[in-house]
Amino acid sequence: MIPDLVTFHFNKQNQSLTVLDQRQLPNHESWLTIADTASLKEAIRTLAIRGAPLLGYAGLVGVYFSLLETKGEERWHEQILSLRAVRPTAVNLSKEVDHAYSMLIAIQGFSNRLEACLHLIEEYEHHSKQICESIAAYGSSLIHEGDGLLTHCNTGSLATIGLGTALGVIKKAFSLYPNLQIYHTETRPLWQGSRLTAYELMKCHIPATIVIDSAVSVLMAEGNISSVIVGADRIARNGDTANKIGTLALALSARYFKIPFYVAAPTSTFDTTIESGKDIPIELRNEEEILLCGEKKIAPLASKAWNPAFDITPKELISAFITEKGINP
């Protein structure tokens, strides 16, 4: 049995969302209570809440908050536009916000809209758990006893609702084959692998080894990796995939060493409105994340830094997509 890691709770009586603050992990398990759109957007912007599927859920909660806060269709529409734009790379946020808005705008009456929005939130939560289970089941069928698995960033319960996507596959596979060797990267930005994935695997009692991002090629060269499994923030119509910065380097190394490279993601992460990865906006983060360690300057004062949060992996480097509907080449 894989332990259930609870990371959030939406209280419709108090009209608030309580979430595990991912900025504080792994040192502090601190919970944020969010009850308005401005606080929710700040939590998303600063990565207190992150992960494409969980951002979709947060978007629906944001739509609910915006209904409570605004009077008049024009002001409400402005709130919707502001909410959907907080994290432009991750498609789940804008997709769920747009879906909710298009549905609710056709409903007359404040209370009716609120009730319909609550239904969307509950439905999303229920379906997301089922989707994670399906992705894990399909993905684990690709894993064999004694395999070495490498993942990147954090794609588990901290990033989704349920077991997770890529990390959900690994959790499920480990429950079947406890002799798997699990590796994960540190992951820029904000060390989301060494902080979050390590924390989550520890909570699930799954032993793993942290690898610095620049050492993955050496790890592959030594024959330790059987498969690479990553998540996705947006997948274009042609299969080009946006994911955490460093994914492209993993895919290139995996191709060189003839290691299968899988992307595990719900079908909601596929964006059929864009043709290729060239159309996916890439978020640039604050250069101080590179130039500082905590509050201490680690580079010369005049230094500049380029800090993209994501990169694009071309479809030809991806062995298959693992979705809730199956394994698709």
Protein backbone atom coordinates (compact mmCIF):
# COMPACT_ATOMS: atom_id res chain seq x y z
CA MET A 1 0.00 0.00 0.00
CA ILE A 2 1.35 3.41 -1.02
CA PRO A 3 0.89 6.02 1.78
CA ASP A 4 -1.56 8.81 0.96
CA LEU A 5 0.19 12.17 1.16
CA VAL A 6 -2.35 14.93 1.89
CA THR A 7 -1.20 18.31 0.61
CA PHE A 8 -4.37 20.45 0.53
CA HIS A 9 -7.94 20.82 1.76
CA PHE A 10 -10.72 22.99 0.36
CA ASN A 11 -13.26 23.99 3.00
CA LYS A 12 -16.47 25.15 1.38
CA GLN A 13 -17.98 26.09 4.74
CA ASN A 14 -15.14 28.50 5.51
CA GLN A 15 -14.65 29.27 1.81
CA SER A 16 -10.90 28.74 2.09
CA LEU A 17 -8.12 26.57 0.71
CA THR A 18 -5.48 25.14 3.07
CA VAL A 19 -2.30 23.96 1.34
CA LEU A 20 1.08 22.62 2.36
CA ASP A 21 3.50 25.47 1.62
CA GLN A 22 6.02 23.95 -0.78
CA ARG A 23 8.43 26.86 -0.30
CA GLN A 24 9.08 25.71 3.27
CA LEU A 25 9.75 22.04 2.55
CA PRO A 26 11.53 19.92 3.58
CA ASN A 27 12.55 21.79 6.74
CA HIS A 28 9.10 22.96 7.80
CA GLU A 29 5.67 21.47 7.19
CA SER A 30 3.87 24.79 7.15
CA TRP A 31 0.24 25.17 6.06
CA LEU A 32 -1.17 28.20 4.26
CA THR A 33 -4.82 29.18 4.53
CA ILE A 34 -5.93 31.09 1.44
CA ALA A 35 -9.29 32.79 1.21
CA ASP A 36 -8.99 35.34 -1.61
CA THR A 37 -7.80 35.57 -5.20
CA ALA A 38 -4.84 37.86 -4.49
CA SER A 39 -3.37 35.45 -1.92
CA LEU A 40 -3.96 32.49 -4.24
CA LYS A 41 -2.18 34.18 -7.15
CA GLU A 42 0.75 35.06 -4.89
CA ALA A 43 0.97 31.46 -3.67
CA ILE A 44 1.02 30.24 -7.28
CA ARG A 45 3.52 32.88 -8.41
CA THR A 46 5.97 32.10 -5.60
CA LEU A 47 5.58 28.30 -6.02
CA ALA A 48 3.91 27.68 -2.69
CA ILE A 49 1.45 25.87 -4.97
CA ARG A 50 2.90 24.27 -8.09
CA GLY A 51 2.60 21.29 -10.43
CA ALA A 52 0.47 21.40 -13.58
CA PRO A 53 -2.50 19.28 -12.39
CA LEU A 54 -2.61 20.96 -8.97
CA LEU A 55 -2.51 24.36 -10.67
CA GLY A 56 -5.63 23.36 -12.59
CA TYR A 57 -7.36 22.69 -9.29
CA ALA A 58 -6.06 25.94 -7.81
CA GLY A 59 -7.40 27.75 -10.85
CA LEU A 60 -10.91 26.47 -10.17
CA VAL A 61 -10.64 27.56 -6.54
CA GLY A 62 -9.48 30.95 -7.81
CA VAL A 63 -12.57 31.22 -10.00
CA TYR A 64 -14.66 30.49 -6.89
CA PHE A 65 -12.88 33.22 -4.93
CA SER A 66 -13.34 35.66 -7.81
CA LEU A 67 -17.08 35.06 -7.76
CA LEU A 68 -17.15 35.96 -4.07
CA GLU A 69 -15.07 39.10 -4.55
CA THR A 70 -16.44 40.78 -7.66
CA LYS A 71 -19.64 42.45 -8.71
CA GLY A 72 -20.31 42.99 -12.38
CA GLU A 73 -19.34 40.91 -15.38
CA GLU A 74 -16.56 43.22 -16.54
CA ARG A 75 -14.68 43.19 -13.24
CA TRP A 76 -15.12 39.43 -12.96
CA HIS A 77 -13.68 38.95 -16.45
CA GLU A 78 -10.65 41.04 -15.47
CA GLN A 79 -10.09 38.80 -12.45
CA ILE A 80 -10.31 35.72 -14.65
CA LEU A 81 -7.73 37.08 -17.10
CA SER A 82 -5.38 37.99 -14.26
CA LEU A 83 -5.72 34.54 -12.68
CA ARG A 84 -5.10 32.53 -15.84
CA ALA A 85 -1.92 34.51 -16.62
CA VAL A 86 -0.05 33.88 -13.33
CA ARG A 87 1.83 30.84 -14.69
CA PRO A 88 1.77 31.01 -18.51
CA THR A 89 3.73 27.83 -19.29
CA ALA A 90 1.53 25.39 -17.35
CA VAL A 91 -1.56 24.90 -19.51
CA ASN A 92 -3.73 23.25 -16.83
CA LEU A 93 -4.18 26.53 -14.98
CA SER A 94 -5.48 28.55 -17.93
CA LYS A 95 -7.41 25.60 -19.35
CA GLU A 96 -9.40 24.96 -16.18
CA VAL A 97 -10.00 28.67 -15.57
CA ASP A 98 -11.25 29.12 -19.13
CA HIS A 99 -13.46 26.04 -18.90
CA ALA A 100 -15.02 27.20 -15.64
CA TYR A 101 -15.54 30.75 -16.89
CA SER A 102 -17.19 29.67 -20.16
CA MET A 103 -19.53 27.41 -18.22
CA LEU A 104 -20.37 29.81 -15.40
CA ILE A 105 -20.89 32.89 -17.56
CA ALA A 106 -23.91 31.15 -19.08
CA ILE A 107 -25.49 30.61 -15.64
CA GLN A 108 -27.77 33.27 -14.19
CA GLY A 109 -27.67 34.14 -10.50
CA PHE A 110 -24.81 34.45 -8.01
CA SER A 111 -25.77 31.46 -5.85
CA ASN A 112 -26.27 29.27 -8.90
CA ARG A 113 -22.81 30.16 -10.18
CA LEU A 114 -21.24 29.46 -6.80
CA GLU A 115 -22.93 26.06 -6.59
CA ALA A 116 -21.85 25.16 -10.12
CA CYS A 117 -18.27 26.20 -9.38
CA LEU A 118 -18.22 24.06 -6.23
CA HIS A 119 -19.35 21.13 -8.33
CA LEU A 120 -16.49 21.73 -10.78
CA ILE A 121 -13.98 21.77 -7.91
CA GLU A 122 -15.31 18.52 -6.42
CA GLU A 123 -15.49 16.85 -9.82
CA TYR A 124 -11.92 17.85 -10.69
CA GLU A 125 -10.63 16.48 -7.38
CA HIS A 126 -12.42 13.15 -7.85
CA HIS A 127 -11.38 12.69 -11.48
CA SER A 128 -7.78 13.74 -10.84
CA LYS A 129 -7.30 10.97 -8.29
CA GLN A 130 -8.62 8.42 -10.77
CA ILE A 131 -6.39 9.81 -13.52
CA CYS A 132 -3.29 9.49 -11.35
CA GLU A 133 -4.16 5.88 -10.54
CA SER A 134 -4.58 5.06 -14.23
CA ILE A 135 -1.30 6.75 -15.21
CA ALA A 136 0.49 4.83 -12.46
CA ALA A 137 -1.00 1.52 -13.56
CA TYR A 138 -0.11 1.99 -17.23
CA GLY A 139 3.34 3.37 -16.48
CA SER A 140 4.30 0.65 -14.02
CA SER A 141 3.69 -1.94 -16.75
CA LEU A 142 6.82 -0.56 -18.45
CA ILE A 143 8.98 -1.22 -15.38
CA HIS A 144 10.75 -4.48 -14.55
CA GLU A 145 12.21 -5.91 -11.38
CA GLY A 146 15.63 -4.46 -10.58
CA ASP A 147 15.31 -1.48 -12.96
CA GLY A 148 17.02 1.82 -12.30
CA LEU A 149 14.60 4.73 -12.70
CA LEU A 150 15.46 8.39 -13.05
CA THR A 151 12.99 11.26 -12.67
CA HIS A 152 13.24 15.03 -12.70
CA CYS A 153 11.54 17.81 -10.72
CA ASN A 154 8.54 16.84 -8.56
CA THR A 155 5.52 15.11 -10.08
CA GLY A 156 3.92 13.39 -7.12
CA SER A 157 1.20 14.27 -4.63
CA LEU A 158 2.74 17.71 -4.11
CA ALA A 159 2.16 18.52 -7.77
CA THR A 160 -1.14 16.75 -8.40
CA ILE A 161 -4.27 15.52 -6.71
CA GLY A 162 -3.60 11.90 -5.88
CA LEU A 163 -0.61 9.66 -6.42
CA GLY A 164 1.13 11.81 -9.00
CA THR A 165 2.13 11.45 -12.65
CA ALA A 166 5.76 10.42 -13.25
CA LEU A 167 6.38 9.99 -9.52
CA GLY A 168 3.07 8.16 -9.26
CA VAL A 169 4.40 5.63 -11.77
CA ILE A 170 7.53 5.20 -9.66
CA LYS A 171 5.53 4.79 -6.44
CA LYS A 172 3.32 2.16 -8.04
CA ALA A 173 6.29 0.34 -9.57
CA PHE A 174 8.11 0.31 -6.24
CA SER A 175 5.08 -1.27 -4.56
CA LEU A 176 5.41 -4.09 -7.11
CA TYR A 177 9.21 -4.31 -7.19
CA PRO A 178 10.83 -3.08 -3.95
CA ASN A 179 14.32 -3.74 -5.37
CA LEU A 180 14.08 -0.87 -7.85
CA GLN A 181 16.85 1.71 -7.77
CA ILE A 182 15.33 5.20 -7.73
CA TYR A 183 17.27 8.31 -8.72
CA HIS A 184 16.07 11.89 -8.99
CA THR A 185 17.76 15.16 -9.84
CA GLU A 186 18.19 18.21 -7.65
CA THR A 187 16.23 20.24 -10.23
CA ARG A 188 16.38 23.95 -10.80
CA PRO A 189 14.66 26.23 -10.06
CA LEU A 190 14.46 26.14 -6.29
CA TRP A 191 15.78 22.57 -6.02
CA GLN A 192 12.37 21.02 -6.49
CA GLY A 193 13.89 17.56 -6.72
CA SER A 194 16.20 17.59 -3.71
CA ARG A 195 13.63 19.44 -1.59
CA LEU A 196 10.26 18.14 -2.73
CA THR A 197 10.75 14.79 -4.44
CA ALA A 198 13.16 13.65 -1.72
CA TYR A 199 10.63 14.72 0.92
CA GLU A 200 7.77 12.93 -0.79
CA LEU A 201 9.68 9.69 -1.37
CA MET A 202 10.80 9.72 2.27
CA LYS A 203 7.16 10.10 3.35
CA CYS A 204 6.31 7.11 1.16
CA HIS A 205 9.22 5.07 2.60
CA ILE A 206 10.85 4.73 -0.83
CA PRO A 207 14.68 4.93 -0.76
CA ALA A 208 16.19 7.11 -3.47
CA THR A 209 19.43 8.79 -4.50
CA ILE A 210 19.72 12.49 -5.37
CA VAL A 211 21.81 13.29 -8.44
CA ILE A 212 23.10 16.73 -9.37
CA ASP A 213 21.54 17.86 -12.66
CA SER A 214 24.87 17.95 -14.47
CA ALA A 215 25.77 14.35 -13.50
CA VAL A 216 22.89 12.48 -15.14
CA SER A 217 24.92 11.63 -18.25
CA VAL A 218 27.59 9.98 -16.09
CA LEU A 219 24.90 8.03 -14.24
CA MET A 220 23.54 6.76 -17.56
CA ALA A 221 27.01 6.00 -18.90
CA GLU A 222 27.67 3.75 -15.90
CA GLY A 223 24.61 1.67 -16.77
CA ASN A 224 22.52 2.59 -13.74
CA ILE A 225 19.41 3.80 -15.55
CA SER A 226 16.83 1.62 -17.32
CA SER A 227 14.20 4.32 -17.90
CA VAL A 228 13.72 8.05 -17.50
CA ILE A 229 10.21 9.16 -16.49
CA VAL A 230 9.28 12.84 -16.29
CA GLY A 231 6.11 14.90 -16.14
CA ALA A 232 4.97 17.81 -18.31
CA ASP A 233 3.55 21.31 -17.98
CA ARG A 234 2.29 21.58 -21.56
CA ILE A 235 2.39 19.28 -24.58
CA ALA A 236 1.89 20.76 -28.05
CA ARG A 237 -0.14 19.14 -30.82
CA ASN A 238 3.01 17.69 -32.42
CA GLY A 239 4.19 16.18 -29.09
CA ASP A 240 6.82 18.76 -28.20
CA THR A 241 6.82 18.94 -24.40
CA ALA A 242 7.45 21.78 -21.98
CA ASN A 243 8.76 20.61 -18.62
CA LYS A 244 11.09 21.76 -15.87
CA ILE A 245 14.41 23.17 -17.05
CA GLY A 246 16.90 20.33 -17.52
CA THR A 247 14.42 17.91 -19.11
CA LEU A 248 15.84 18.48 -22.59
CA ALA A 249 19.34 17.59 -21.36
CA LEU A 250 17.96 14.39 -19.83
CA ALA A 251 16.22 13.47 -23.08
CA LEU A 252 19.35 14.08 -25.16
CA SER A 253 21.47 11.94 -22.84
CA ALA A 254 18.85 9.20 -22.78
CA ARG A 255 18.77 9.13 -26.59
CA TYR A 256 22.56 8.85 -26.77
CA PHE A 257 22.62 5.95 -24.31
CA LYS A 258 19.53 4.29 -25.86
CA ILE A 259 17.47 4.59 -22.67
CA PRO A 260 13.67 4.90 -22.93
CA PHE A 261 12.46 8.40 -22.13
CA TYR A 262 8.84 8.59 -21.01
CA VAL A 263 6.55 11.56 -20.34
CA ALA A 264 3.74 10.85 -17.86
CA ALA A 265 0.92 13.39 -17.95
CA PRO A 266 -2.87 13.59 -17.97
CA THR A 267 -4.52 14.30 -21.31
CA SER A 268 -5.50 17.72 -19.93
CA THR A 269 -1.83 18.74 -20.28
CA PHE A 270 -2.04 18.33 -24.07
CA ASP A 271 -2.71 21.69 -25.73
CA THR A 272 -4.20 21.13 -29.16
CA THR A 273 -4.45 24.88 -29.78
CA ILE A 274 -0.71 25.15 -30.44
CA GLU A 275 1.19 23.35 -33.16
CA SER A 276 4.66 22.94 -31.64
CA GLY A 277 6.92 23.76 -28.72
CA LYS A 278 7.89 27.02 -30.42
CA ASP A 279 4.48 28.37 -29.43
CA ILE A 280 4.84 27.56 -25.71
CA PRO A 281 5.76 30.58 -23.55
CA ILE A 282 8.72 29.92 -21.25
CA GLU A 283 8.70 31.58 -17.84
CA LEU A 284 11.87 33.36 -16.74
CA ARG A 285 12.44 33.47 -13.00
CA ASN A 286 14.28 35.97 -10.82
CA GLU A 287 18.04 35.89 -11.39
CA GLU A 288 18.60 36.09 -7.62
CA GLU A 289 17.67 32.39 -7.41
CA ILE A 290 20.98 31.76 -9.19
CA LEU A 291 23.09 34.55 -7.72
CA LEU A 292 22.11 33.99 -4.07
CA CYS A 293 22.18 31.03 -1.72
CA GLY A 294 19.51 31.97 0.78
CA GLU A 295 20.36 35.61 1.43
CA LYS A 296 24.09 35.21 0.77
CA LYS A 297 25.58 36.42 -2.49
CA ILE A 298 27.56 33.61 -4.16
CA ALA A 299 28.48 35.35 -7.43
CA PRO A 300 30.34 38.63 -8.06
CA LEU A 301 28.19 41.71 -7.57
CA ALA A 302 28.13 42.57 -11.27
CA SER A 303 27.06 39.07 -12.35
CA LYS A 304 23.90 38.49 -14.37
CA ALA A 305 21.97 35.24 -14.59
CA TRP A 306 19.57 33.65 -17.06
CA ASN A 307 17.03 31.56 -15.19
CA PRO A 308 14.40 29.87 -17.42
CA ALA A 309 11.99 27.69 -15.48
CA PHE A 310 11.22 25.32 -18.37
CA ASP A 311 12.59 23.94 -21.60
CA ILE A 312 11.10 22.20 -24.63
CA THR A 313 11.82 18.55 -25.42
CA PRO A 314 11.12 17.69 -29.08
CA LYS A 315 8.72 14.81 -29.71
CA GLU A 316 11.41 12.76 -31.49
CA LEU A 317 13.31 12.42 -28.20
CA ILE A 318 10.27 11.01 -26.37
CA SER A 319 9.78 7.23 -26.40
CA ALA A 320 6.11 7.35 -25.35
CA PHE A 321 3.51 9.34 -23.46
CA ILE A 322 1.89 7.71 -20.44
CA THR A 323 -1.63 9.08 -19.91
CA GLU A 324 -4.75 7.92 -18.13
CA LYS A 325 -5.88 6.47 -21.46
CA GLY A 326 -2.82 4.31 -22.06
CA ILE A 327 0.71 4.36 -23.47
CA ASN A 328 0.96 6.35 -26.69
CA PRO A 329 4.08 6.44 -28.89
